[in-house]
Amino acid sequence: MYKGSWDMNTSWKNYGSCRGLNPNIFYPSCEEEARVAKAICRQCPVQNECLSYALKNQEKDGVWGGATERDRRRMIRQRLKTA
């Protein structure tokens, strides 16, 4: 496991628990199917970097850092309310 800090480059992807898994797991067709991906993300050493990347780059699809598109939209709305 890599412990370090990354800027917004994508070197953190090399340490993701998703690496080598079927990408379809992380692009579920509905929220219910996202449970498997979220479980993998919870164990990931770069979960925070992945989520930060998705939020900054406004990823529209898939599970990133343990968050679905709906989860990420909710996070963004919360940030805007508290800003």
Protein backbone atom coordinates (compact mmCIF):
# COMPACT_ATOMS: atom_id res chain seq x y z
CA MET A 1 0.00 0.00 0.00
CA TYR A 2 1.27 3.41 -0.92
CA LYS A 3 1.08 6.16 1.65
CA GLY A 4 1.71 9.55 0.21
CA SER A 5 0.10 12.63 -1.10
CA TRP A 6 -0.86 13.21 -4.68
CA ASP A 7 -1.72 16.31 -6.55
CA MET A 8 -4.49 16.07 -9.10
CA ASN A 9 -2.45 13.90 -11.44
CA THR A 10 -3.60 10.33 -11.79
CA SER A 11 -0.67 8.43 -10.28
CA TRP A 12 -2.96 7.40 -7.42
CA LYS A 13 -4.85 5.17 -9.87
CA ASN A 14 -1.95 2.72 -9.76
CA TYR A 15 -2.83 1.95 -6.13
CA GLY A 16 -6.61 1.65 -6.43
CA SER A 17 -8.36 -1.48 -5.24
CA CYS A 18 -10.27 -1.40 -8.53
CA ARG A 19 -7.13 -1.88 -10.59
CA GLY A 20 -7.43 -5.01 -12.69
CA LEU A 21 -11.10 -5.56 -11.88
CA ASN A 22 -13.86 -5.55 -14.45
CA PRO A 23 -14.70 -1.87 -15.01
CA ASN A 24 -18.38 -2.73 -15.43
CA ILE A 25 -18.52 -3.21 -11.64
CA PHE A 26 -17.96 0.53 -11.27
CA TYR A 27 -20.53 1.53 -13.90
CA PRO A 28 -23.71 -0.03 -12.52
CA SER A 29 -27.03 0.44 -14.25
CA CYS A 30 -28.78 1.48 -11.03
CA GLU A 31 -28.03 2.67 -7.49
CA GLU A 32 -28.75 -0.78 -6.01
CA GLU A 33 -26.06 -2.39 -8.16
CA ALA A 34 -23.49 0.11 -6.86
CA ARG A 35 -23.19 -1.75 -3.54
CA VAL A 36 -20.42 -4.04 -4.80
CA ALA A 37 -18.36 -1.13 -6.13
CA LYS A 38 -18.87 0.86 -2.94
CA ALA A 39 -17.69 -2.10 -0.85
CA ILE A 40 -14.49 -2.30 -2.90
CA CYS A 41 -13.98 1.45 -2.53
CA ARG A 42 -14.34 1.31 1.26
CA GLN A 43 -11.21 -0.86 1.40
CA CYS A 44 -9.24 1.24 -1.07
CA PRO A 45 -6.08 3.07 0.03
CA VAL A 46 -6.72 5.90 -2.45
CA GLN A 47 -10.46 6.35 -1.94
CA ASN A 48 -10.13 10.03 -1.00
CA GLU A 49 -7.92 10.86 -4.00
CA CYS A 50 -10.36 9.08 -6.31
CA LEU A 51 -13.36 10.94 -4.94
CA SER A 52 -11.53 14.28 -5.09
CA TYR A 53 -10.61 13.61 -8.70
CA ALA A 54 -14.21 12.77 -9.61
CA LEU A 55 -15.57 15.87 -7.91
CA LYS A 56 -13.00 18.19 -9.46
CA ASN A 57 -13.45 16.72 -12.94
CA GLN A 58 -17.23 16.48 -12.63
CA GLU A 59 -17.33 12.79 -13.52
CA LYS A 60 -20.89 12.07 -14.55
CA ASP A 61 -20.92 8.29 -14.60
CA GLY A 62 -19.80 5.47 -12.39
CA VAL A 63 -18.70 4.95 -8.83
CA TRP A 64 -15.65 7.00 -7.89
CA GLY A 65 -14.19 7.00 -4.40
CA GLY A 66 -17.21 5.10 -3.12
CA ALA A 67 -19.72 7.63 -4.45
CA THR A 68 -22.24 7.28 -7.25
CA GLU A 69 -23.21 10.14 -9.51
CA ARG A 70 -26.17 10.83 -7.22
CA ASP A 71 -23.91 10.81 -4.15
CA ARG A 72 -21.49 13.23 -5.79
CA ARG A 73 -24.28 15.62 -6.81
CA ARG A 74 -25.49 15.59 -3.21
CA MET A 75 -21.96 16.36 -1.97
CA ILE A 76 -21.65 19.28 -4.36
CA ARG A 77 -25.02 20.69 -3.29
CA GLN A 78 -23.98 20.42 0.36
CA ARG A 79 -20.73 22.24 -0.35
CA LEU A 80 -22.59 25.02 -2.12
CA LYS A 81 -25.02 25.41 0.79
CA THR A 82 -22.22 25.74 3.34
CA ALA A 83 -20.11 28.09 1.21
